[in-house]
Amino acid sequence: MSVSHKEVVGLNFPAYSMGEFNSFYTGREPHRLLKRHSKILYVLKSDPGLLLNQQELAMGDILSVPLGTRQTFLSSKRDSGCWALILVINLLIDEPNDLAGREKHAMLALCRRYFTSFRRIPQGITPPIQAILSAISEELDEEREARQLKIASLVDQLLVETARVCSPEHAPRKPLKRTRMHIVNLARDMMYKRMGEPLRLSDVAWHLHLSEEHLCRIFRAETGNTVMEELLGLRLEHATVLLRGSTMSVETVARNCGFGTSSLFCRHFRQRYNMTPGQYRATQSGRYPGVRISR
C-alpha cells in the first residue's frame, strides 16, 4: 500500500474510532504507541525480527490491544533495526458518554465483544480484509468526492470482517482428517509464499498446528527430505526462475529467495546445479524470450 504516515493523520474515521498509518524504524531504541485507547493493529509491511512486547510480528498479522496495554516495538536483530508499516485503529469504545447518540450501538457492541483483549487475530489479513485495506489506500491516494464518508464506510467493513475472522461460527472448518500429502502441500505453499523470510522449522509447524517432530516424520515419509531441505529446494527452484526471467543481480535474487548472503546462495546453488548462478543465467539466455519477472 503506497500510503505514508502524513497522508492519514488527521483524517476523520467513524466516530467510534480514530485511524493512522504508523510507519517507523526501530532498532535499539524502542518505538511506543500510546496506551490511551483500545486498538487494532494491521501489520501491512514488516521486516523480519520485529517484536511487539517481546512477541514476534510478521507481515499480515492483526493484533487486538486493550486500553492501557503497553505497546513497545523493538528489533530482535543485534546488528540492524526493523522497518514496519502498521495501520492503527484506535477504538473509542471505552468512552461511552462521549459516544452516546453519535454512532451505531451495534458496532460499539461488536468492538467491545471482540477487541478488548490482547491477542493475535486468527488467520491475520485474509483476502477480504486485504481488499478493504487496498480500497482505503486508493481513497487516501486520490482526492475524490465524499472521500471521508467513503473511508468511514470502509472502516466499518474492515472491523466487521475482522470480527468475523474472530467469530467461531465464521471460522473456516478444519477438515476432519488431513492426509499426509495434503499436509506436505500446505507446508510447501506456506514456505513458497514466505520464502523471502528467515523461516524456521518451528514457523512451519506452528502454521500447520503440528509439533515439529510430527511434521518432520510426515515430510520424511512422503518426500524423503526434511522440512528444511524441502524449503532449500523451493528457494533454489525459485532462484532459477528469477535468474532466467529477470535482470536482477545475484545479490537481489539471493535476498528475494531467503538466503542471508549471496555467498551462501552461490554455495547452495553450485552444490545443486554444478554451476554458479551467473553461469546458469548465461546458459539459459534466450531460451525463454517471453518470460520476464519484474524486480
C-alpha atoms as a PDB file:
ATOM      1  CA  MET A   1       0.000   0.000   0.000  1.00  0.00           C
ATOM      2  CA  SER A   2       1.509   3.310  -1.092  1.00  0.00           C
ATOM      3  CA  VAL A   3       0.385   5.337   1.900  1.00  0.00           C
ATOM      4  CA  SER A   4       2.618   7.472   4.105  1.00  0.00           C
ATOM      5  CA  HIS A   5       2.020   8.373   7.734  1.00  0.00           C
ATOM      6  CA  LYS A   6       1.408  12.075   6.986  1.00  0.00           C
ATOM      7  CA  GLU A   7      -1.358  11.326   4.495  1.00  0.00           C
ATOM      8  CA  VAL A   8      -3.516   9.682   7.137  1.00  0.00           C
ATOM      9  CA  VAL A   9      -3.049  11.586  10.367  1.00  0.00           C
ATOM     10  CA  GLY A  10      -5.989  13.908  10.888  1.00  0.00           C
ATOM     11  CA  LEU A  11      -8.478  12.052   8.711  1.00  0.00           C
ATOM     12  CA  ASN A  12     -11.854  11.518  10.305  1.00  0.00           C
ATOM     13  CA  PHE A  13     -12.686   7.851  10.776  1.00  0.00           C
ATOM     14  CA  PRO A  14     -16.133   6.874  12.131  1.00  0.00           C
ATOM     15  CA  ALA A  15     -16.986   8.498  15.457  1.00  0.00           C
ATOM     16  CA  TYR A  16     -16.141   5.352  17.436  1.00  0.00           C
ATOM     17  CA  SER A  17     -12.581   5.230  16.062  1.00  0.00           C
ATOM     18  CA  MET A  18      -9.507   7.175  15.018  1.00  0.00           C
ATOM     19  CA  GLY A  19      -7.034   5.815  12.484  1.00  0.00           C
ATOM     20  CA  GLU A  20      -3.452   6.332  11.419  1.00  0.00           C
ATOM     21  CA  PHE A  21      -0.867   4.529   9.343  1.00  0.00           C
ATOM     22  CA  ASN A  22       2.164   4.295  11.627  1.00  0.00           C
ATOM     23  CA  SER A  23       5.375   3.985   9.635  1.00  0.00           C
ATOM     24  CA  PHE A  24       8.511   3.641  11.762  1.00  0.00           C
ATOM     25  CA  TYR A  25      12.012   2.200  12.046  1.00  0.00           C
ATOM     26  CA  THR A  26      13.066   0.694  15.338  1.00  0.00           C
ATOM     27  CA  GLY A  27      16.458  -0.600  16.437  1.00  0.00           C
ATOM     28  CA  ARG A  28      17.983  -0.377  19.881  1.00  0.00           C
ATOM     29  CA  GLU A  29      15.655   2.489  20.712  1.00  0.00           C
ATOM     30  CA  PRO A  30      12.041   1.234  21.117  1.00  0.00           C
ATOM     31  CA  HIS A  31       9.054   2.694  19.283  1.00  0.00           C
ATOM     32  CA  ARG A  32       5.997   3.044  21.512  1.00  0.00           C
ATOM     33  CA  LEU A  33       2.299   3.667  20.932  1.00  0.00           C
ATOM     34  CA  LEU A  34       0.085   5.484  23.404  1.00  0.00           C
ATOM     35  CA  LYS A  35      -1.889   3.375  25.887  1.00  0.00           C
ATOM     36  CA  ARG A  36      -4.818   5.761  25.696  1.00  0.00           C
ATOM     37  CA  HIS A  37      -7.258   3.652  23.612  1.00  0.00           C
ATOM     38  CA  SER A  38      -8.081   0.096  22.693  1.00  0.00           C
ATOM     39  CA  LYS A  39      -6.558  -0.630  19.301  1.00  0.00           C
ATOM     40  CA  ILE A  40      -6.464  -2.957  16.341  1.00  0.00           C
ATOM     41  CA  LEU A  41      -3.088  -3.194  14.607  1.00  0.00           C
ATOM     42  CA  TYR A  42      -2.862  -4.344  10.991  1.00  0.00           C
ATOM     43  CA  VAL A  43       0.755  -5.187  10.080  1.00  0.00           C
ATOM     44  CA  LEU A  44       0.853  -4.168   6.410  1.00  0.00           C
ATOM     45  CA  LYS A  45       4.614  -4.436   5.976  1.00  0.00           C
ATOM     46  CA  SER A  46       7.365  -5.547   8.318  1.00  0.00           C
ATOM     47  CA  ASP A  47      10.974  -6.603   8.248  1.00  0.00           C
ATOM     48  CA  PRO A  48      11.714  -9.978   9.883  1.00  0.00           C
ATOM     49  CA  GLY A  49      12.611  -9.699  13.556  1.00  0.00           C
ATOM     50  CA  LEU A  50      10.061  -7.058  14.611  1.00  0.00           C
ATOM     51  CA  LEU A  51       8.886  -7.580  18.197  1.00  0.00           C
ATOM     52  CA  LEU A  52       5.830  -6.169  19.994  1.00  0.00           C
ATOM     53  CA  ASN A  53       6.047  -6.666  23.747  1.00  0.00           C
ATOM     54  CA  GLN A  54       8.611  -9.429  23.076  1.00  0.00           C
ATOM     55  CA  GLN A  55       6.257 -11.243  20.667  1.00  0.00           C
ATOM     56  CA  GLU A  56       7.471 -11.578  17.070  1.00  0.00           C
ATOM     57  CA  LEU A  57       5.301  -9.971  14.415  1.00  0.00           C
ATOM     58  CA  ALA A  58       5.042 -10.803  10.740  1.00  0.00           C
ATOM     59  CA  MET A  59       3.568  -9.044   7.742  1.00  0.00           C
ATOM     60  CA  GLY A  60      -0.140  -9.888   7.596  1.00  0.00           C
ATOM     61  CA  ASP A  61      -0.665 -10.136  11.358  1.00  0.00           C
ATOM     62  CA  ILE A  62      -3.623  -8.483  13.102  1.00  0.00           C
ATOM     63  CA  LEU A  63      -3.497  -7.752  16.831  1.00  0.00           C
ATOM     64  CA  SER A  64      -6.114  -6.589  19.276  1.00  0.00           C
ATOM     65  CA  VAL A  65      -4.715  -4.365  22.053  1.00  0.00           C
ATOM     66  CA  PRO A  66      -6.911  -3.345  25.037  1.00  0.00           C
ATOM     67  CA  LEU A  67      -6.941   0.020  26.775  1.00  0.00           C
ATOM     68  CA  GLY A  68      -3.891   0.650  28.972  1.00  0.00           C
ATOM     69  CA  THR A  69      -1.696  -2.033  27.427  1.00  0.00           C
ATOM     70  CA  ARG A  70       1.947  -1.143  26.878  1.00  0.00           C
ATOM     71  CA  GLN A  71       2.937  -1.352  23.202  1.00  0.00           C
ATOM     72  CA  THR A  72       6.681  -1.364  22.670  1.00  0.00           C
ATOM     73  CA  PHE A  73       8.174  -2.244  19.299  1.00  0.00           C
ATOM     74  CA  LEU A  74      11.781  -3.434  19.119  1.00  0.00           C
ATOM     75  CA  SER A  75      14.089  -5.206  16.698  1.00  0.00           C
ATOM     76  CA  SER A  76      15.368  -8.647  17.666  1.00  0.00           C
ATOM     77  CA  LYS A  77      18.397  -8.128  15.400  1.00  0.00           C
ATOM     78  CA  ARG A  78      21.563  -7.096  17.134  1.00  0.00           C
ATOM     79  CA  ASP A  79      23.179  -5.507  14.111  1.00  0.00           C
ATOM     80  CA  SER A  80      20.210  -3.807  12.432  1.00  0.00           C
ATOM     81  CA  GLY A  81      16.742  -2.449  13.026  1.00  0.00           C
ATOM     82  CA  CYS A  82      13.323  -3.205  11.568  1.00  0.00           C
ATOM     83  CA  TRP A  83      11.030  -1.090   9.426  1.00  0.00           C
ATOM     84  CA  ALA A  84       7.269  -1.503   9.673  1.00  0.00           C
ATOM     85  CA  LEU A  85       4.054  -0.012   8.286  1.00  0.00           C
ATOM     86  CA  ILE A  86       1.094  -0.621  10.564  1.00  0.00           C
ATOM     87  CA  LEU A  87      -2.496   0.577  10.309  1.00  0.00           C
ATOM     88  CA  VAL A  88      -3.547   1.535  13.838  1.00  0.00           C
ATOM     89  CA  ILE A  89      -7.267   1.893  14.508  1.00  0.00           C
ATOM     90  CA  ASN A  90      -7.902   3.444  17.917  1.00  0.00           C
ATOM     91  CA  LEU A  91     -11.297   2.307  19.184  1.00  0.00           C
ATOM     92  CA  LEU A  92     -13.132   4.839  21.345  1.00  0.00           C
ATOM     93  CA  ILE A  93     -15.182   2.089  22.971  1.00  0.00           C
ATOM     94  CA  ASP A  94     -14.018   2.957  26.489  1.00  0.00           C
ATOM     95  CA  GLU A  95     -15.758   6.363  26.453  1.00  0.00           C
ATOM     96  CA  PRO A  96     -19.495   5.585  26.242  1.00  0.00           C
ATOM     97  CA  ASN A  97     -20.617   9.007  27.486  1.00  0.00           C
ATOM     98  CA  ASP A  98     -18.841  10.826  24.659  1.00  0.00           C
ATOM     99  CA  LEU A  99     -20.228   8.450  22.062  1.00  0.00           C
ATOM    100  CA  ALA A 100     -23.849   8.383  23.145  1.00  0.00           C
ATOM    101  CA  GLY A 101     -26.079   9.058  20.179  1.00  0.00           C
ATOM    102  CA  ARG A 102     -23.167   9.605  17.835  1.00  0.00           C
ATOM    103  CA  GLU A 103     -22.610   6.174  16.360  1.00  0.00           C
ATOM    104  CA  LYS A 104     -24.194   2.804  15.825  1.00  0.00           C
ATOM    105  CA  HIS A 105     -24.609   0.872  19.067  1.00  0.00           C
ATOM    106  CA  ALA A 106     -24.275  -2.402  17.172  1.00  0.00           C
ATOM    107  CA  MET A 107     -20.757  -1.527  16.023  1.00  0.00           C
ATOM    108  CA  LEU A 108     -19.723  -0.494  19.528  1.00  0.00           C
ATOM    109  CA  ALA A 109     -21.041  -3.789  20.892  1.00  0.00           C
ATOM    110  CA  LEU A 110     -19.146  -5.671  18.198  1.00  0.00           C
ATOM    111  CA  CYS A 111     -15.879  -3.930  19.072  1.00  0.00           C
ATOM    112  CA  ARG A 112     -16.338  -4.496  22.806  1.00  0.00           C
ATOM    113  CA  ARG A 113     -17.044  -8.165  22.194  1.00  0.00           C
ATOM    114  CA  TYR A 114     -14.019  -8.994  20.050  1.00  0.00           C
ATOM    115  CA  PHE A 115     -11.356  -6.323  20.544  1.00  0.00           C
ATOM    116  CA  THR A 116     -10.894  -5.796  24.296  1.00  0.00           C
ATOM    117  CA  SER A 117      -8.165  -8.368  24.999  1.00  0.00           C
ATOM    118  CA  PHE A 118      -4.550  -8.584  23.901  1.00  0.00           C
ATOM    119  CA  ARG A 119      -4.329 -11.300  21.269  1.00  0.00           C
ATOM    120  CA  ARG A 120      -3.281 -12.148  17.754  1.00  0.00           C
ATOM    121  CA  ILE A 121      -6.328 -12.424  15.479  1.00  0.00           C
ATOM    122  CA  PRO A 122      -6.631 -15.877  13.820  1.00  0.00           C
ATOM    123  CA  GLN A 123      -5.782 -16.070  10.108  1.00  0.00           C
ATOM    124  CA  GLY A 124      -4.450 -12.496  10.047  1.00  0.00           C
ATOM    125  CA  ILE A 125      -5.093 -10.349   6.980  1.00  0.00           C
ATOM    126  CA  THR A 126      -7.368 -12.523   4.854  1.00  0.00           C
ATOM    127  CA  PRO A 127      -8.120 -11.753   1.167  1.00  0.00           C
ATOM    128  CA  PRO A 128     -11.396  -9.928   2.034  1.00  0.00           C
ATOM    129  CA  ILE A 129      -9.576  -7.800   4.628  1.00  0.00           C
ATOM    130  CA  GLN A 130      -6.751  -7.113   2.174  1.00  0.00           C
ATOM    131  CA  ALA A 131      -9.276  -5.947  -0.417  1.00  0.00           C
ATOM    132  CA  ILE A 132     -10.747  -3.446   2.062  1.00  0.00           C
ATOM    133  CA  LEU A 133      -7.287  -2.189   3.042  1.00  0.00           C
ATOM    134  CA  SER A 134      -6.456  -1.681  -0.634  1.00  0.00           C
ATOM    135  CA  ALA A 135      -9.695   0.255  -1.114  1.00  0.00           C
ATOM    136  CA  ILE A 136      -8.783   2.517   1.839  1.00  0.00           C
ATOM    137  CA  SER A 137      -5.372   3.067   0.277  1.00  0.00           C
ATOM    138  CA  GLU A 138      -6.936   4.074  -3.028  1.00  0.00           C
ATOM    139  CA  GLU A 139      -9.189   6.605  -1.306  1.00  0.00           C
ATOM    140  CA  LEU A 140      -6.208   8.088   0.505  1.00  0.00           C
ATOM    141  CA  ASP A 141      -4.140   8.322  -2.675  1.00  0.00           C
ATOM    142  CA  GLU A 142      -6.771  10.252  -4.641  1.00  0.00           C
ATOM    143  CA  GLU A 143      -8.877  13.313  -3.890  1.00  0.00           C
ATOM    144  CA  ARG A 144     -12.387  12.032  -4.603  1.00  0.00           C
ATOM    145  CA  GLU A 145     -15.851  13.315  -3.843  1.00  0.00           C
ATOM    146  CA  ALA A 146     -17.164  12.292  -0.401  1.00  0.00           C
ATOM    147  CA  ARG A 147     -13.772  10.855   0.467  1.00  0.00           C
ATOM    148  CA  GLN A 148     -14.326  10.995   4.239  1.00  0.00           C
ATOM    149  CA  LEU A 149     -17.680   9.217   4.027  1.00  0.00           C
ATOM    150  CA  LYS A 150     -16.174   6.501   1.877  1.00  0.00           C
ATOM    151  CA  ILE A 151     -13.287   5.916   4.290  1.00  0.00           C
ATOM    152  CA  ALA A 152     -15.714   5.754   7.221  1.00  0.00           C
ATOM    153  CA  SER A 153     -17.763   3.163   5.354  1.00  0.00           C
ATOM    154  CA  LEU A 154     -14.650   1.112   4.554  1.00  0.00           C
ATOM    155  CA  VAL A 155     -13.525   1.161   8.191  1.00  0.00           C
ATOM    156  CA  ASP A 156     -16.956  -0.182   9.150  1.00  0.00           C
ATOM    157  CA  GLN A 157     -16.450  -3.016   6.677  1.00  0.00           C
ATOM    158  CA  LEU A 158     -12.909  -3.617   7.914  1.00  0.00           C
ATOM    159  CA  LEU A 159     -13.966  -4.009  11.549  1.00  0.00           C
ATOM    160  CA  VAL A 160     -16.899  -6.259  10.653  1.00  0.00           C
ATOM    161  CA  GLU A 161     -14.691  -8.520   8.521  1.00  0.00           C
ATOM    162  CA  THR A 162     -12.065  -8.646  11.276  1.00  0.00           C
ATOM    163  CA  ALA A 163     -14.720  -9.564  13.839  1.00  0.00           C
ATOM    164  CA  ARG A 164     -15.920 -12.348  11.544  1.00  0.00           C
ATOM    165  CA  VAL A 165     -12.426 -13.795  11.490  1.00  0.00           C
ATOM    166  CA  CYS A 166     -12.562 -13.852  15.297  1.00  0.00           C
ATOM    167  CA  SER A 167     -16.034 -15.359  15.429  1.00  0.00           C
ATOM    168  CA  PRO A 168     -16.134 -19.176  15.817  1.00  0.00           C
ATOM    169  CA  GLU A 169     -19.180 -19.534  13.572  1.00  0.00           C
ATOM    170  CA  HIS A 170     -17.356 -17.796  10.721  1.00  0.00           C
ATOM    171  CA  ALA A 171     -14.013 -19.531  11.209  1.00  0.00           C
ATOM    172  CA  PRO A 172     -13.137 -21.978   8.458  1.00  0.00           C
ATOM    173  CA  ARG A 173     -13.812 -25.531   9.476  1.00  0.00           C
ATOM    174  CA  LYS A 174     -10.783 -27.763   9.694  1.00  0.00           C
ATOM    175  CA  PRO A 175     -11.017 -30.948   7.697  1.00  0.00           C
ATOM    176  CA  LEU A 176     -11.820 -33.950   9.829  1.00  0.00           C
ATOM    177  CA  LYS A 177      -8.707 -35.669   8.578  1.00  0.00           C
ATOM    178  CA  ARG A 178      -5.806 -34.274   6.628  1.00  0.00           C
ATOM    179  CA  THR A 179      -3.802 -36.711   4.579  1.00  0.00           C
ATOM    180  CA  ARG A 180      -0.041 -36.627   4.948  1.00  0.00           C
ATOM    181  CA  MET A 181       0.385 -35.416   1.368  1.00  0.00           C
ATOM    182  CA  HIS A 182      -2.148 -32.654   1.996  1.00  0.00           C
ATOM    183  CA  ILE A 183      -0.053 -31.506   4.960  1.00  0.00           C
ATOM    184  CA  VAL A 184       3.086 -31.553   2.802  1.00  0.00           C
ATOM    185  CA  ASN A 185       1.358 -29.437   0.134  1.00  0.00           C
ATOM    186  CA  LEU A 186       0.100 -26.956   2.734  1.00  0.00           C
ATOM    187  CA  ALA A 187       3.623 -26.640   4.118  1.00  0.00           C
ATOM    188  CA  ARG A 188       5.082 -26.145   0.649  1.00  0.00           C
ATOM    189  CA  ASP A 189       2.519 -23.461  -0.125  1.00  0.00           C
ATOM    190  CA  MET A 190       3.320 -21.609   3.093  1.00  0.00           C
ATOM    191  CA  MET A 191       7.079 -21.875   2.523  1.00  0.00           C
ATOM    192  CA  TYR A 192       6.769 -20.676  -1.069  1.00  0.00           C
ATOM    193  CA  LYS A 193       4.737 -17.608  -0.078  1.00  0.00           C
ATOM    194  CA  ARG A 194       7.186 -16.689   2.698  1.00  0.00           C
ATOM    195  CA  MET A 195      10.469 -17.923   1.252  1.00  0.00           C
ATOM    196  CA  GLY A 196      11.956 -14.436   1.442  1.00  0.00           C
ATOM    197  CA  GLU A 197      11.739 -14.610   5.241  1.00  0.00           C
ATOM    198  CA  PRO A 198      14.185 -16.408   7.563  1.00  0.00           C
ATOM    199  CA  LEU A 199      11.781 -19.297   8.159  1.00  0.00           C
ATOM    200  CA  ARG A 200      12.432 -21.867  10.845  1.00  0.00           C
ATOM    201  CA  LEU A 201      11.036 -25.352  11.323  1.00  0.00           C
ATOM    202  CA  SER A 202       9.003 -24.035  14.262  1.00  0.00           C
ATOM    203  CA  ASP A 203       7.336 -21.427  11.995  1.00  0.00           C
ATOM    204  CA  VAL A 204       6.107 -24.075   9.558  1.00  0.00           C
ATOM    205  CA  ALA A 205       4.942 -26.393  12.346  1.00  0.00           C
ATOM    206  CA  TRP A 206       3.097 -23.554  14.092  1.00  0.00           C
ATOM    207  CA  HIS A 207       1.368 -22.584  10.837  1.00  0.00           C
ATOM    208  CA  LEU A 208       0.044 -26.145  10.417  1.00  0.00           C
ATOM    209  CA  HIS A 209      -0.803 -26.633  14.126  1.00  0.00           C
ATOM    210  CA  LEU A 210       1.544 -29.610  14.330  1.00  0.00           C
ATOM    211  CA  SER A 211       4.527 -30.481  16.501  1.00  0.00           C
ATOM    212  CA  GLU A 212       7.932 -30.178  14.871  1.00  0.00           C
ATOM    213  CA  GLU A 213       8.596 -33.891  15.366  1.00  0.00           C
ATOM    214  CA  HIS A 214       5.317 -34.951  13.741  1.00  0.00           C
ATOM    215  CA  LEU A 215       5.838 -32.619  10.793  1.00  0.00           C
ATOM    216  CA  CYS A 216       9.370 -33.968  10.258  1.00  0.00           C
ATOM    217  CA  ARG A 217       8.108 -37.558  10.243  1.00  0.00           C
ATOM    218  CA  ILE A 218       5.444 -36.703   7.647  1.00  0.00           C
ATOM    219  CA  PHE A 219       7.952 -34.992   5.345  1.00  0.00           C
ATOM    220  CA  ARG A 220      10.475 -37.783   5.626  1.00  0.00           C
ATOM    221  CA  ALA A 221       7.824 -40.400   4.833  1.00  0.00           C
ATOM    222  CA  GLU A 222       6.256 -38.531   1.886  1.00  0.00           C
ATOM    223  CA  THR A 223       9.241 -36.777   0.266  1.00  0.00           C
ATOM    224  CA  GLY A 224      12.378 -38.407   1.627  1.00  0.00           C
ATOM    225  CA  ASN A 225      13.554 -34.928   2.648  1.00  0.00           C
ATOM    226  CA  THR A 226      13.494 -32.920   5.831  1.00  0.00           C
ATOM    227  CA  VAL A 227      11.333 -29.798   6.021  1.00  0.00           C
ATOM    228  CA  MET A 228      14.343 -27.511   5.714  1.00  0.00           C
ATOM    229  CA  GLU A 229      15.726 -29.493   2.757  1.00  0.00           C
ATOM    230  CA  GLU A 230      12.369 -29.016   1.037  1.00  0.00           C
ATOM    231  CA  LEU A 231      12.492 -25.272   1.783  1.00  0.00           C
ATOM    232  CA  LEU A 232      16.005 -25.071   0.352  1.00  0.00           C
ATOM    233  CA  GLY A 233      14.814 -26.826  -2.808  1.00  0.00           C
ATOM    234  CA  LEU A 234      11.921 -24.383  -3.218  1.00  0.00           C
ATOM    235  CA  ARG A 235      14.262 -21.427  -2.780  1.00  0.00           C
ATOM    236  CA  LEU A 236      16.741 -22.720  -5.350  1.00  0.00           C
ATOM    237  CA  GLU A 237      13.967 -23.581  -7.813  1.00  0.00           C
ATOM    238  CA  HIS A 238      12.531 -20.076  -7.486  1.00  0.00           C
ATOM    239  CA  ALA A 239      16.026 -18.644  -7.904  1.00  0.00           C
ATOM    240  CA  THR A 240      16.358 -20.356 -11.308  1.00  0.00           C
ATOM    241  CA  VAL A 241      13.093 -18.697 -12.390  1.00  0.00           C
ATOM    242  CA  LEU A 242      14.375 -15.266 -11.352  1.00  0.00           C
ATOM    243  CA  LEU A 243      17.783 -15.801 -12.955  1.00  0.00           C
ATOM    244  CA  ARG A 244      16.431 -16.740 -16.365  1.00  0.00           C
ATOM    245  CA  GLY A 245      13.428 -14.407 -16.411  1.00  0.00           C
ATOM    246  CA  SER A 246      14.714 -11.159 -14.876  1.00  0.00           C
ATOM    247  CA  THR A 247      17.710  -8.844 -14.820  1.00  0.00           C
ATOM    248  CA  MET A 248      18.002  -8.947 -11.027  1.00  0.00           C
ATOM    249  CA  SER A 249      21.511  -9.070  -9.633  1.00  0.00           C
ATOM    250  CA  VAL A 250      22.642 -12.267  -7.920  1.00  0.00           C
ATOM    251  CA  GLU A 251      22.522 -10.429  -4.585  1.00  0.00           C
ATOM    252  CA  THR A 252      18.884  -9.396  -5.162  1.00  0.00           C
ATOM    253  CA  VAL A 253      17.896 -12.919  -6.222  1.00  0.00           C
ATOM    254  CA  ALA A 254      19.552 -14.297  -3.090  1.00  0.00           C
ATOM    255  CA  ARG A 255      17.675 -11.834  -0.890  1.00  0.00           C
ATOM    256  CA  ASN A 256      14.301 -12.472  -2.554  1.00  0.00           C
ATOM    257  CA  CYS A 257      14.739 -16.229  -2.146  1.00  0.00           C
ATOM    258  CA  GLY A 258      15.529 -16.031   1.563  1.00  0.00           C
ATOM    259  CA  PHE A 259      19.312 -16.533   1.568  1.00  0.00           C
ATOM    260  CA  GLY A 260      21.068 -14.415   4.135  1.00  0.00           C
ATOM    261  CA  THR A 261      24.069 -13.711   1.901  1.00  0.00           C
ATOM    262  CA  SER A 262      24.904 -14.071  -1.777  1.00  0.00           C
ATOM    263  CA  SER A 263      27.878 -16.291  -0.898  1.00  0.00           C
ATOM    264  CA  LEU A 264      25.577 -18.732   0.912  1.00  0.00           C
ATOM    265  CA  PHE A 265      23.212 -18.673  -2.068  1.00  0.00           C
ATOM    266  CA  CYS A 266      26.055 -19.332  -4.530  1.00  0.00           C
ATOM    267  CA  ARG A 267      27.382 -22.229  -2.461  1.00  0.00           C
ATOM    268  CA  HIS A 268      23.979 -23.959  -2.300  1.00  0.00           C
ATOM    269  CA  PHE A 269      23.326 -23.221  -5.982  1.00  0.00           C
ATOM    270  CA  ARG A 270      26.637 -24.763  -7.076  1.00  0.00           C
ATOM    271  CA  GLN A 271      26.004 -27.843  -4.943  1.00  0.00           C
ATOM    272  CA  ARG A 272      22.584 -28.337  -6.557  1.00  0.00           C
ATOM    273  CA  TYR A 273      23.280 -27.396 -10.208  1.00  0.00           C
ATOM    274  CA  ASN A 274      27.080 -27.779 -10.513  1.00  0.00           C
ATOM    275  CA  MET A 275      27.454 -24.198 -11.727  1.00  0.00           C
ATOM    276  CA  THR A 276      27.296 -20.676 -10.348  1.00  0.00           C
ATOM    277  CA  PRO A 277      24.131 -18.544 -10.668  1.00  0.00           C
ATOM    278  CA  GLY A 278      25.912 -16.409 -13.273  1.00  0.00           C
ATOM    279  CA  GLN A 279      26.849 -19.448 -15.334  1.00  0.00           C
ATOM    280  CA  TYR A 280      23.290 -20.735 -15.118  1.00  0.00           C
ATOM    281  CA  ARG A 281      21.916 -17.409 -16.338  1.00  0.00           C
ATOM    282  CA  ALA A 282      24.339 -17.447 -19.273  1.00  0.00           C
ATOM    283  CA  THR A 283      23.284 -20.968 -20.302  1.00  0.00           C
ATOM    284  CA  GLN A 284      19.607 -20.001 -20.186  1.00  0.00           C
ATOM    285  CA  SER A 285      19.975 -16.738 -22.126  1.00  0.00           C
ATOM    286  CA  GLY A 286      17.479 -16.555 -24.986  1.00  0.00           C
ATOM    287  CA  ARG A 287      15.692 -19.787 -24.099  1.00  0.00           C
ATOM    288  CA  TYR A 288      12.689 -18.027 -22.538  1.00  0.00           C
ATOM    289  CA  PRO A 289      12.190 -14.866 -24.616  1.00  0.00           C
ATOM    290  CA  GLY A 290       8.593 -14.356 -23.494  1.00  0.00           C
ATOM    291  CA  VAL A 291       9.248 -14.628 -19.771  1.00  0.00           C
ATOM    292  CA  ARG A 292      10.184 -11.644 -17.684  1.00  0.00           C
ATOM    293  CA  ILE A 293       9.764 -11.098 -13.968  1.00  0.00           C
ATOM    294  CA  SER A 294       9.747  -7.573 -12.652  1.00  0.00           C
ATOM    295  CA  ARG A 295      12.035  -6.502  -9.854  1.00  0.00           C
END
